[in-house]
PDB file of N, CA and C in Angstrom:
ATOM      1  N   MET A   1       0.983  -1.210  -0.110  1.00  0.00           N
ATOM      2  CA  MET A   1       0.043  -0.004  -0.032  1.00  0.00           C
ATOM      3  C   MET A   1       0.801   1.257  -0.009  1.00  0.00           C
ATOM      4  N   GLU A   2       0.493   2.210  -0.864  1.00  0.00           N
ATOM      5  CA  GLU A   2       1.196   3.352  -0.872  1.00  0.00           C
ATOM      6  C   GLU A   2       0.893   4.277   0.288  1.00  0.00           C
ATOM      7  N   SER A   3       2.060   5.167   0.679  1.00  0.00           N
ATOM      8  CA  SER A   3       1.761   6.139   1.752  1.00  0.00           C
ATOM      9  C   SER A   3       1.051   7.276   1.340  1.00  0.00           C
ATOM     10  N   ILE A   4       0.518   8.033   2.278  1.00  0.00           N
ATOM     11  CA  ILE A   4       0.000   9.337   1.840  1.00  0.00           C
ATOM     12  C   ILE A   4       1.120  10.325   1.537  1.00  0.00           C
ATOM     13  N   GLU A   5       2.224  10.194   2.160  1.00  0.00           N
ATOM     14  CA  GLU A   5       3.398  10.893   1.871  1.00  0.00           C
ATOM     15  C   GLU A   5       3.757  10.771   0.395  1.00  0.00           C
ATOM     16  N   ASN A   6       3.907   9.508  -0.072  1.00  0.00           N
ATOM     17  CA  ASN A   6       4.320   9.186  -1.408  1.00  0.00           C
ATOM     18  C   ASN A   6       3.391   9.619  -2.413  1.00  0.00           C
ATOM     19  N   LEU A   7       2.087   9.381  -2.016  1.00  0.00           N
ATOM     20  CA  LEU A   7       0.973   9.742  -3.091  1.00  0.00           C
ATOM     21  C   LEU A   7       0.883  11.282  -3.201  1.00  0.00           C
ATOM     22  N   SER A   8       1.094  12.007  -1.980  1.00  0.00           N
ATOM     23  CA  SER A   8       1.148  13.513  -1.999  1.00  0.00           C
ATOM     24  C   SER A   8       2.423  14.039  -2.911  1.00  0.00           C
ATOM     25  N   LYS A   9       3.479  13.329  -2.853  1.00  0.00           N
ATOM     26  CA  LYS A   9       4.558  13.727  -3.728  1.00  0.00           C
ATOM     27  C   LYS A   9       4.214  13.551  -5.229  1.00  0.00           C
ATOM     28  N   ASN A  10       3.597  12.369  -5.422  1.00  0.00           N
ATOM     29  CA  ASN A  10       3.244  12.044  -6.848  1.00  0.00           C
ATOM     30  C   ASN A  10       2.317  13.224  -7.317  1.00  0.00           C
ATOM     31  N   ILE A  11       1.440  13.641  -6.586  1.00  0.00           N
ATOM     32  CA  ILE A  11       0.440  14.628  -6.981  1.00  0.00           C
ATOM     33  C   ILE A  11       1.319  15.924  -7.277  1.00  0.00           C
ATOM     34  N   GLU A  12       2.271  16.269  -6.407  1.00  0.00           N
ATOM     35  CA  GLU A  12       2.963  17.459  -6.627  1.00  0.00           C
ATOM     36  C   GLU A  12       3.757  17.468  -7.917  1.00  0.00           C
ATOM     37  N   THR A  13       4.388  16.207  -8.168  1.00  0.00           N
ATOM     38  CA  THR A  13       5.181  15.996  -9.443  1.00  0.00           C
ATOM     39  C   THR A  13       4.351  16.196 -10.659  1.00  0.00           C
ATOM     40  N   LYS A  14       3.059  15.719 -10.634  1.00  0.00           N
ATOM     41  CA  LYS A  14       2.040  15.628 -11.679  1.00  0.00           C
ATOM     42  C   LYS A  14       1.712  17.166 -12.005  1.00  0.00           C
ATOM     43  N   LEU A  15       1.381  17.807 -10.852  1.00  0.00           N
ATOM     44  CA  LEU A  15       1.054  19.236 -10.817  1.00  0.00           C
ATOM     45  C   LEU A  15       2.178  20.064 -11.561  1.00  0.00           C
ATOM     46  N   ARG A  16       3.345  19.710 -11.172  1.00  0.00           N
ATOM     47  CA  ARG A  16       4.517  20.498 -11.870  1.00  0.00           C
ATOM     48  C   ARG A  16       4.550  20.164 -13.327  1.00  0.00           C
ATOM     49  N   PHE A  17       4.368  18.911 -13.809  1.00  0.00           N
ATOM     50  CA  PHE A  17       4.411  18.552 -15.127  1.00  0.00           C
ATOM     51  C   PHE A  17       3.187  19.276 -15.839  1.00  0.00           C
ATOM     52  N   ILE A  18       2.066  19.323 -15.282  1.00  0.00           N
ATOM     53  CA  ILE A  18       0.975  20.029 -15.778  1.00  0.00           C
ATOM     54  C   ILE A  18       1.272  21.521 -16.027  1.00  0.00           C
ATOM     55  N   LYS A  19       1.922  22.168 -15.100  1.00  0.00           N
ATOM     56  CA  LYS A  19       2.392  23.498 -15.236  1.00  0.00           C
ATOM     57  C   LYS A  19       3.218  23.653 -16.472  1.00  0.00           C
ATOM     58  N   PHE A  20       4.181  22.755 -16.560  1.00  0.00           N
ATOM     59  CA  PHE A  20       5.080  22.671 -17.750  1.00  0.00           C
ATOM     60  C   PHE A  20       4.324  22.643 -18.955  1.00  0.00           C
ATOM     61  N   THR A  21       3.413  21.751 -18.995  1.00  0.00           N
ATOM     62  CA  THR A  21       2.615  21.463 -20.238  1.00  0.00           C
ATOM     63  C   THR A  21       1.713  22.758 -20.486  1.00  0.00           C
ATOM     64  N   GLN A  22       1.160  23.379 -19.530  1.00  0.00           N
ATOM     65  CA  GLN A  22       0.304  24.709 -19.750  1.00  0.00           C
ATOM     66  C   GLN A  22       1.113  25.723 -20.351  1.00  0.00           C
ATOM     67  N   GLU A  23       2.410  25.831 -20.027  1.00  0.00           N
ATOM     68  CA  GLU A  23       3.327  26.790 -20.601  1.00  0.00           C
ATOM     69  C   GLU A  23       3.534  26.489 -22.061  1.00  0.00           C
ATOM     70  N   GLN A  24       3.797  25.186 -22.374  1.00  0.00           N
ATOM     71  CA  GLN A  24       3.867  24.836 -23.695  1.00  0.00           C
ATOM     72  C   GLN A  24       2.648  25.089 -24.497  1.00  0.00           C
ATOM     73  N   ALA A  25       1.492  24.917 -23.907  1.00  0.00           N
ATOM     74  CA  ALA A  25       0.229  25.195 -24.396  1.00  0.00           C
ATOM     75  C   ALA A  25       0.044  26.560 -24.941  1.00  0.00           C
ATOM     76  N   VAL A  26       0.539  27.505 -24.106  1.00  0.00           N
ATOM     77  CA  VAL A  26       0.334  28.878 -24.546  1.00  0.00           C
ATOM     78  C   VAL A  26       1.185  29.268 -25.815  1.00  0.00           C
ATOM     79  N   LYS A  27       2.340  28.613 -25.973  1.00  0.00           N
ATOM     80  CA  LYS A  27       3.186  28.869 -27.125  1.00  0.00           C
ATOM     81  C   LYS A  27       2.391  28.149 -28.367  1.00  0.00           C
ATOM     82  N   SER A  28       1.735  26.997 -28.075  1.00  0.00           N
ATOM     83  CA  SER A  28       1.066  26.424 -29.179  1.00  0.00           C
ATOM     84  C   SER A  28      -0.058  27.291 -29.741  1.00  0.00           C
ATOM     85  N   VAL A  29      -0.779  27.904 -28.783  1.00  0.00           N
ATOM     86  CA  VAL A  29      -1.857  28.771 -29.154  1.00  0.00           C
ATOM     87  C   VAL A  29      -1.405  30.013 -29.906  1.00  0.00           C
ATOM     88  N   GLU A  30      -0.282  30.607 -29.391  1.00  0.00           N
ATOM     89  CA  GLU A  30       0.271  31.880 -30.053  1.00  0.00           C
ATOM     90  C   GLU A  30       0.818  31.384 -31.459  1.00  0.00           C
ATOM     91  N   THR A  31       1.247  30.234 -31.727  1.00  0.00           N
ATOM     92  CA  THR A  31       1.735  29.890 -33.080  1.00  0.00           C
ATOM     93  C   THR A  31       0.673  29.094 -34.012  1.00  0.00           C
ATOM     94  N   ASN A  32      -0.505  28.921 -33.385  1.00  0.00           N
ATOM     95  CA  ASN A  32      -1.614  28.131 -34.064  1.00  0.00           C
ATOM     96  C   ASN A  32      -1.096  26.786 -34.397  1.00  0.00           C
ATOM     97  N   ASN A  33      -0.423  26.084 -33.593  1.00  0.00           N
ATOM     98  CA  ASN A  33       0.163  24.831 -33.850  1.00  0.00           C
ATOM     99  C   ASN A  33      -0.996  23.667 -33.398  1.00  0.00           C
ATOM    100  N   VAL A  34      -1.785  23.225 -34.392  1.00  0.00           N
ATOM    101  CA  VAL A  34      -2.918  22.546 -34.040  1.00  0.00           C
ATOM    102  C   VAL A  34      -2.362  21.053 -33.619  1.00  0.00           C
ATOM    103  N   LEU A  35      -1.440  20.492 -34.142  1.00  0.00           N
ATOM    104  CA  LEU A  35      -1.070  19.185 -33.624  1.00  0.00           C
ATOM    105  C   LEU A  35      -0.606  19.239 -32.168  1.00  0.00           C
ATOM    106  N   ALA A  36       0.303  20.318 -31.835  1.00  0.00           N
ATOM    107  CA  ALA A  36       0.724  20.461 -30.443  1.00  0.00           C
ATOM    108  C   ALA A  36      -0.459  20.722 -29.516  1.00  0.00           C
ATOM    109  N   MET A  37      -1.400  21.553 -29.840  1.00  0.00           N
ATOM    110  CA  MET A  37      -2.624  21.759 -29.107  1.00  0.00           C
ATOM    111  C   MET A  37      -3.330  20.533 -28.783  1.00  0.00           C
ATOM    112  N   GLU A  38      -3.574  19.714 -29.856  1.00  0.00           N
ATOM    113  CA  GLU A  38      -4.266  18.418 -29.574  1.00  0.00           C
ATOM    114  C   GLU A  38      -3.469  17.430 -28.606  1.00  0.00           C
ATOM    115  N   ARG A  39      -2.220  17.431 -28.770  1.00  0.00           N
ATOM    116  CA  ARG A  39      -1.489  16.682 -27.793  1.00  0.00           C
ATOM    117  C   ARG A  39      -1.400  17.127 -26.404  1.00  0.00           C
ATOM    118  N   GLN A  40      -1.457  18.514 -26.353  1.00  0.00           N
ATOM    119  CA  GLN A  40      -1.329  19.058 -24.973  1.00  0.00           C
ATOM    120  C   GLN A  40      -2.754  19.003 -24.360  1.00  0.00           C
ATOM    121  N   ILE A  41      -3.839  19.000 -25.133  1.00  0.00           N
ATOM    122  CA  ILE A  41      -5.211  18.783 -24.649  1.00  0.00           C
ATOM    123  C   ILE A  41      -5.319  17.438 -24.014  1.00  0.00           C
ATOM    124  N   LYS A  42      -4.848  16.512 -24.777  1.00  0.00           N
ATOM    125  CA  LYS A  42      -4.803  15.058 -24.316  1.00  0.00           C
ATOM    126  C   LYS A  42      -3.938  14.855 -23.044  1.00  0.00           C
ATOM    127  N   THR A  43      -2.672  15.434 -23.090  1.00  0.00           N
ATOM    128  CA  THR A  43      -1.817  15.281 -21.950  1.00  0.00           C
ATOM    129  C   THR A  43      -2.361  15.912 -20.577  1.00  0.00           C
ATOM    130  N   LEU A  44      -2.871  17.186 -20.725  1.00  0.00           N
ATOM    131  CA  LEU A  44      -3.406  17.757 -19.585  1.00  0.00           C
ATOM    132  C   LEU A  44      -4.655  17.027 -19.019  1.00  0.00           C
ATOM    133  N   THR A  45      -5.528  16.556 -20.005  1.00  0.00           N
ATOM    134  CA  THR A  45      -6.734  15.867 -19.528  1.00  0.00           C
ATOM    135  C   THR A  45      -6.338  14.502 -18.785  1.00  0.00           C
ATOM    136  N   THR A  46      -5.276  13.757 -19.431  1.00  0.00           N
ATOM    137  CA  THR A  46      -4.936  12.514 -18.827  1.00  0.00           C
ATOM    138  C   THR A  46      -4.360  12.982 -17.413  1.00  0.00           C
ATOM    139  N   LYS A  47      -3.489  13.867 -17.407  1.00  0.00           N
ATOM    140  CA  LYS A  47      -2.759  14.137 -15.936  1.00  0.00           C
ATOM    141  C   LYS A  47      -3.870  14.649 -15.016  1.00  0.00           C
ATOM    142  N   VAL A  48      -4.901  15.546 -15.309  1.00  0.00           N
ATOM    143  CA  VAL A  48      -5.788  15.884 -14.422  1.00  0.00           C
ATOM    144  C   VAL A  48      -6.534  14.799 -13.811  1.00  0.00           C
ATOM    145  N   GLY A  49      -6.802  13.713 -14.723  1.00  0.00           N
ATOM    146  CA  GLY A  49      -7.572  12.495 -14.231  1.00  0.00           C
ATOM    147  C   GLY A  49      -6.585  11.616 -13.327  1.00  0.00           C
ATOM    148  N   GLU A  50      -5.386  11.493 -13.574  1.00  0.00           N
ATOM    149  CA  GLU A  50      -4.470  10.876 -12.719  1.00  0.00           C
ATOM    150  C   GLU A  50      -4.415  11.632 -11.325  1.00  0.00           C
ATOM    151  N   VAL A  51      -4.170  12.931 -11.303  1.00  0.00           N
ATOM    152  CA  VAL A  51      -4.190  13.685  -9.976  1.00  0.00           C
ATOM    153  C   VAL A  51      -5.585  13.375  -9.277  1.00  0.00           C
ATOM    154  N   HIS A  52      -6.686  13.460  -9.931  1.00  0.00           N
ATOM    155  CA  HIS A  52      -8.011  13.044  -9.271  1.00  0.00           C
ATOM    156  C   HIS A  52      -7.991  11.695  -8.595  1.00  0.00           C
ATOM    157  N   ASP A  53      -7.397  10.636  -9.444  1.00  0.00           N
ATOM    158  CA  ASP A  53      -7.432   9.363  -8.934  1.00  0.00           C
ATOM    159  C   ASP A  53      -6.530   9.253  -7.599  1.00  0.00           C
ATOM    160  N   ILE A  54      -5.418   9.895  -7.642  1.00  0.00           N
ATOM    161  CA  ILE A  54      -4.441   9.833  -6.564  1.00  0.00           C
ATOM    162  C   ILE A  54      -5.193  10.512  -5.367  1.00  0.00           C
ATOM    163  N   LYS A  55      -5.846  11.580  -5.601  1.00  0.00           N
ATOM    164  CA  LYS A  55      -6.491  12.405  -4.576  1.00  0.00           C
ATOM    165  C   LYS A  55      -7.520  11.558  -3.869  1.00  0.00           C
ATOM    166  N   VAL A  56      -8.190  10.717  -4.601  1.00  0.00           N
ATOM    167  CA  VAL A  56      -9.282   9.799  -3.988  1.00  0.00           C
ATOM    168  C   VAL A  56      -8.486   8.769  -3.163  1.00  0.00           C
ATOM    169  N   LYS A  57      -7.445   8.188  -3.628  1.00  0.00           N
ATOM    170  CA  LYS A  57      -6.758   7.204  -2.753  1.00  0.00           C
ATOM    171  C   LYS A  57      -6.196   7.945  -1.525  1.00  0.00           C
ATOM    172  N   ILE A  58      -5.772   9.207  -1.489  1.00  0.00           N
ATOM    173  CA  ILE A  58      -5.348   9.838  -0.213  1.00  0.00           C
ATOM    174  C   ILE A  58      -6.440  10.089   0.587  1.00  0.00           C
ATOM    175  N   GLN A  59      -7.757  10.485   0.043  1.00  0.00           N
ATOM    176  CA  GLN A  59      -8.876  10.727   0.823  1.00  0.00           C
ATOM    177  C   GLN A  59      -9.138   9.334   1.683  1.00  0.00           C
ATOM    178  N   GLU A  60      -9.209   8.333   0.749  1.00  0.00           N
ATOM    179  CA  GLU A  60      -9.586   6.979   1.520  1.00  0.00           C
ATOM    180  C   GLU A  60      -8.617   6.814   2.626  1.00  0.00           C
ATOM    181  N   LEU A  61      -7.216   6.992   2.360  1.00  0.00           N
ATOM    182  CA  LEU A  61      -6.174   6.747   3.377  1.00  0.00           C
ATOM    183  C   LEU A  61      -6.488   7.617   4.656  1.00  0.00           C
ATOM    184  N   LYS A  62      -6.734   8.849   4.394  1.00  0.00           N
ATOM    185  CA  LYS A  62      -6.917   9.759   5.460  1.00  0.00           C
ATOM    186  C   LYS A  62      -8.237   9.451   6.276  1.00  0.00           C
ATOM    187  N   ILE A  63      -9.158   8.977   5.719  1.00  0.00           N
ATOM    188  CA  ILE A  63     -10.415   8.572   6.311  1.00  0.00           C
ATOM    189  C   ILE A  63     -10.185   7.455   7.257  1.00  0.00           C
ATOM    190  N   GLU A  64      -9.439   6.427   6.593  1.00  0.00           N
ATOM    191  CA  GLU A  64      -9.098   5.204   7.275  1.00  0.00           C
ATOM    192  C   GLU A  64      -8.270   5.530   8.521  1.00  0.00           C
ATOM    193  N   LYS A  65      -7.403   6.424   8.449  1.00  0.00           N
ATOM    194  CA  LYS A  65      -6.561   6.942   9.670  1.00  0.00           C
ATOM    195  C   LYS A  65      -7.358   7.671  10.565  1.00  0.00           C
ATOM    196  N   GLY A  66      -8.692   8.036  10.317  1.00  0.00           N
ATOM    197  CA  GLY A  66      -9.429   8.718  11.259  1.00  0.00           C
ATOM    198  C   GLY A  66      -9.211  10.186  11.240  1.00  0.00           C
ATOM    199  N   GLU A  67      -8.557  10.811  10.125  1.00  0.00           N
ATOM    200  CA  GLU A  67      -8.341  12.191  10.090  1.00  0.00           C
ATOM    201  C   GLU A  67      -9.633  12.924  10.056  1.00  0.00           C
ATOM    202  N   ASN A  68      -9.571  14.126  10.658  1.00  0.00           N
ATOM    203  CA  ASN A  68     -10.834  15.145  10.844  1.00  0.00           C
ATOM    204  C   ASN A  68     -11.277  15.291   9.359  1.00  0.00           C
ATOM    205  N   ILE A  69     -12.511  15.205   9.289  1.00  0.00           N
ATOM    206  CA  ILE A  69     -13.356  15.480   7.942  1.00  0.00           C
ATOM    207  C   ILE A  69     -13.143  16.940   7.434  1.00  0.00           C
ATOM    208  N   GLU A  70     -13.156  17.829   8.375  1.00  0.00           N
ATOM    209  CA  GLU A  70     -13.064  19.284   7.990  1.00  0.00           C
ATOM    210  C   GLU A  70     -11.597  19.528   7.475  1.00  0.00           C
ATOM    211  N   ASP A  71     -10.779  18.955   8.111  1.00  0.00           N
ATOM    212  CA  ASP A  71      -9.332  19.032   7.395  1.00  0.00           C
ATOM    213  C   ASP A  71      -9.184  18.578   6.122  1.00  0.00           C
ATOM    214  N   LEU A  72      -9.795  17.284   6.072  1.00  0.00           N
ATOM    215  CA  LEU A  72      -9.824  16.712   4.662  1.00  0.00           C
ATOM    216  C   LEU A  72     -10.542  17.419   3.609  1.00  0.00           C
ATOM    217  N   GLN A  73     -11.626  18.071   4.005  1.00  0.00           N
ATOM    218  CA  GLN A  73     -12.312  18.907   2.989  1.00  0.00           C
ATOM    219  C   GLN A  73     -11.449  20.266   2.672  1.00  0.00           C
ATOM    220  N   THR A  74     -10.889  20.730   3.622  1.00  0.00           N
ATOM    221  CA  THR A  74      -9.934  22.008   3.294  1.00  0.00           C
ATOM    222  C   THR A  74      -8.976  21.655   2.140  1.00  0.00           C
ATOM    223  N   TRP A  75      -8.256  20.516   2.546  1.00  0.00           N
ATOM    224  CA  TRP A  75      -7.278  19.920   1.722  1.00  0.00           C
ATOM    225  C   TRP A  75      -7.784  19.747   0.429  1.00  0.00           C
ATOM    226  N   ASP A  76      -8.955  18.991   0.415  1.00  0.00           N
ATOM    227  CA  ASP A  76      -9.525  18.647  -1.056  1.00  0.00           C
ATOM    228  C   ASP A  76     -10.036  19.968  -1.682  1.00  0.00           C
ATOM    229  N   ALA A  77     -10.629  20.938  -1.147  1.00  0.00           N
ATOM    230  CA  ALA A  77     -10.844  22.161  -1.774  1.00  0.00           C
ATOM    231  C   ALA A  77      -9.765  22.836  -2.512  1.00  0.00           C
ATOM    232  N   ALA A  78      -8.727  22.828  -1.775  1.00  0.00           N
ATOM    233  CA  ALA A  78      -7.474  23.534  -2.328  1.00  0.00           C
ATOM    234  C   ALA A  78      -6.975  22.808  -3.644  1.00  0.00           C
ATOM    235  N   LEU A  79      -7.022  21.540  -3.547  1.00  0.00           N
ATOM    236  CA  LEU A  79      -6.672  20.729  -4.670  1.00  0.00           C
ATOM    237  C   LEU A  79      -7.763  20.803  -5.768  1.00  0.00           C
ATOM    238  N   GLU A  80      -8.878  20.893  -5.426  1.00  0.00           N
ATOM    239  CA  GLU A  80      -9.850  20.922  -6.544  1.00  0.00           C
ATOM    240  C   GLU A  80      -9.891  22.328  -7.292  1.00  0.00           C
ATOM    241  N   ASP A  81      -9.537  23.481  -6.377  1.00  0.00           N
ATOM    242  CA  ASP A  81      -9.408  24.736  -7.002  1.00  0.00           C
ATOM    243  C   ASP A  81      -8.289  24.650  -8.102  1.00  0.00           C
ATOM    244  N   LYS A  82      -7.150  24.070  -7.827  1.00  0.00           N
ATOM    245  CA  LYS A  82      -6.099  23.886  -8.740  1.00  0.00           C
ATOM    246  C   LYS A  82      -6.568  23.166 -10.097  1.00  0.00           C
ATOM    247  N   LEU A  83      -7.236  21.945  -9.743  1.00  0.00           N
ATOM    248  CA  LEU A  83      -7.708  21.141 -11.007  1.00  0.00           C
ATOM    249  C   LEU A  83      -8.728  21.883 -11.646  1.00  0.00           C
ATOM    250  N   PHE A  84      -9.506  22.729 -11.096  1.00  0.00           N
ATOM    251  CA  PHE A  84     -10.595  23.479 -11.896  1.00  0.00           C
ATOM    252  C   PHE A  84      -9.887  24.565 -12.691  1.00  0.00           C
ATOM    253  N   ALA A  85      -8.880  25.073 -12.274  1.00  0.00           N
ATOM    254  CA  ALA A  85      -8.105  26.197 -13.111  1.00  0.00           C
ATOM    255  C   ALA A  85      -7.552  25.547 -14.267  1.00  0.00           C
ATOM    256  N   ILE A  86      -6.935  24.303 -14.087  1.00  0.00           N
ATOM    257  CA  ILE A  86      -6.359  23.540 -15.195  1.00  0.00           C
ATOM    258  C   ILE A  86      -7.391  23.219 -16.133  1.00  0.00           C
ATOM    259  N   GLU A  87      -8.583  22.719 -15.662  1.00  0.00           N
ATOM    260  CA  GLU A  87      -9.622  22.308 -16.638  1.00  0.00           C
ATOM    261  C   GLU A  87     -10.225  23.544 -17.453  1.00  0.00           C
ATOM    262  N   GLU A  88     -10.149  24.718 -16.878  1.00  0.00           N
ATOM    263  CA  GLU A  88     -10.603  25.857 -17.625  1.00  0.00           C
ATOM    264  C   GLU A  88      -9.688  26.206 -18.656  1.00  0.00           C
ATOM    265  N   GLN A  89      -8.263  25.968 -18.433  1.00  0.00           N
ATOM    266  CA  GLN A  89      -7.285  26.211 -19.434  1.00  0.00           C
ATOM    267  C   GLN A  89      -7.547  25.171 -20.481  1.00  0.00           C
ATOM    268  N   ILE A  90      -7.846  23.818 -20.135  1.00  0.00           N
ATOM    269  CA  ILE A  90      -8.219  22.867 -21.167  1.00  0.00           C
ATOM    270  C   ILE A  90      -9.256  23.294 -22.066  1.00  0.00           C
ATOM    271  N   ALA A  91     -10.352  23.835 -21.393  1.00  0.00           N
ATOM    272  CA  ALA A  91     -11.389  24.324 -22.292  1.00  0.00           C
ATOM    273  C   ALA A  91     -11.032  25.451 -23.114  1.00  0.00           C
ATOM    274  N   ASP A  92     -10.261  26.347 -22.663  1.00  0.00           N
ATOM    275  CA  ASP A  92      -9.830  27.486 -23.378  1.00  0.00           C
ATOM    276  C   ASP A  92      -8.972  26.931 -24.616  1.00  0.00           C
ATOM    277  N   LEU A  93      -8.135  26.050 -24.412  1.00  0.00           N
ATOM    278  CA  LEU A  93      -7.104  25.533 -25.390  1.00  0.00           C
ATOM    279  C   LEU A  93      -8.062  24.843 -26.427  1.00  0.00           C
ATOM    280  N   ASP A  94      -9.057  24.103 -25.996  1.00  0.00           N
ATOM    281  CA  ASP A  94      -9.908  23.465 -26.914  1.00  0.00           C
ATOM    282  C   ASP A  94     -10.730  24.395 -27.880  1.00  0.00           C
ATOM    283  N   ASN A  95     -11.139  25.463 -27.248  1.00  0.00           N
ATOM    284  CA  ASN A  95     -11.875  26.707 -27.999  1.00  0.00           C
ATOM    285  C   ASN A  95     -10.888  27.251 -29.048  1.00  0.00           C
ATOM    286  N   SER A  96      -9.719  27.224 -28.543  1.00  0.00           N
ATOM    287  CA  SER A  96      -8.729  28.024 -29.526  1.00  0.00           C
ATOM    288  C   SER A  96      -8.536  27.057 -30.617  1.00  0.00           C
ATOM    289  N   LEU A  97      -8.449  25.845 -30.364  1.00  0.00           N
ATOM    290  CA  LEU A  97      -8.230  24.773 -31.535  1.00  0.00           C
ATOM    291  C   LEU A  97      -9.492  24.908 -32.414  1.00  0.00           C
ATOM    292  N   LYS A  98     -10.631  25.084 -31.959  1.00  0.00           N
ATOM    293  CA  LYS A  98     -11.826  25.035 -32.814  1.00  0.00           C
ATOM    294  C   LYS A  98     -11.938  26.249 -33.617  1.00  0.00           C
ATOM    295  N   ARG A  99     -11.208  27.421 -33.164  1.00  0.00           N
ATOM    296  CA  ARG A  99     -11.292  28.597 -33.938  1.00  0.00           C
ATOM    297  C   ARG A  99     -10.215  28.574 -35.063  1.00  0.00           C
ATOM    298  N   ILE A 100      -9.391  27.640 -35.086  1.00  0.00           N
ATOM    299  CA  ILE A 100      -8.319  27.616 -36.180  1.00  0.00           C
ATOM    300  C   ILE A 100      -8.866  27.128 -37.414  1.00  0.00           C
TER     301      ILE A 100
END
């Protein structure tokens, strides 16, 4: 079984990779690079899904450990805010792609 600490590190690594991909996506939009935008949409969507799956594992482990639900909700809300912002960029990227 994976530890909460290792899973949390995994989320942070994926979020850093997402940030890198987001920066590349901006360049793709600026240059109207359709293939790159399609790849980046796929990559970002996949990584957001992976972060969500890890988040659920962490939630289960924290509940199993008896962690305070309010603390868990606070942690979850902060991560969901990050994911929501990424999903907004994915939608913007998709809209940019449709306009080309």
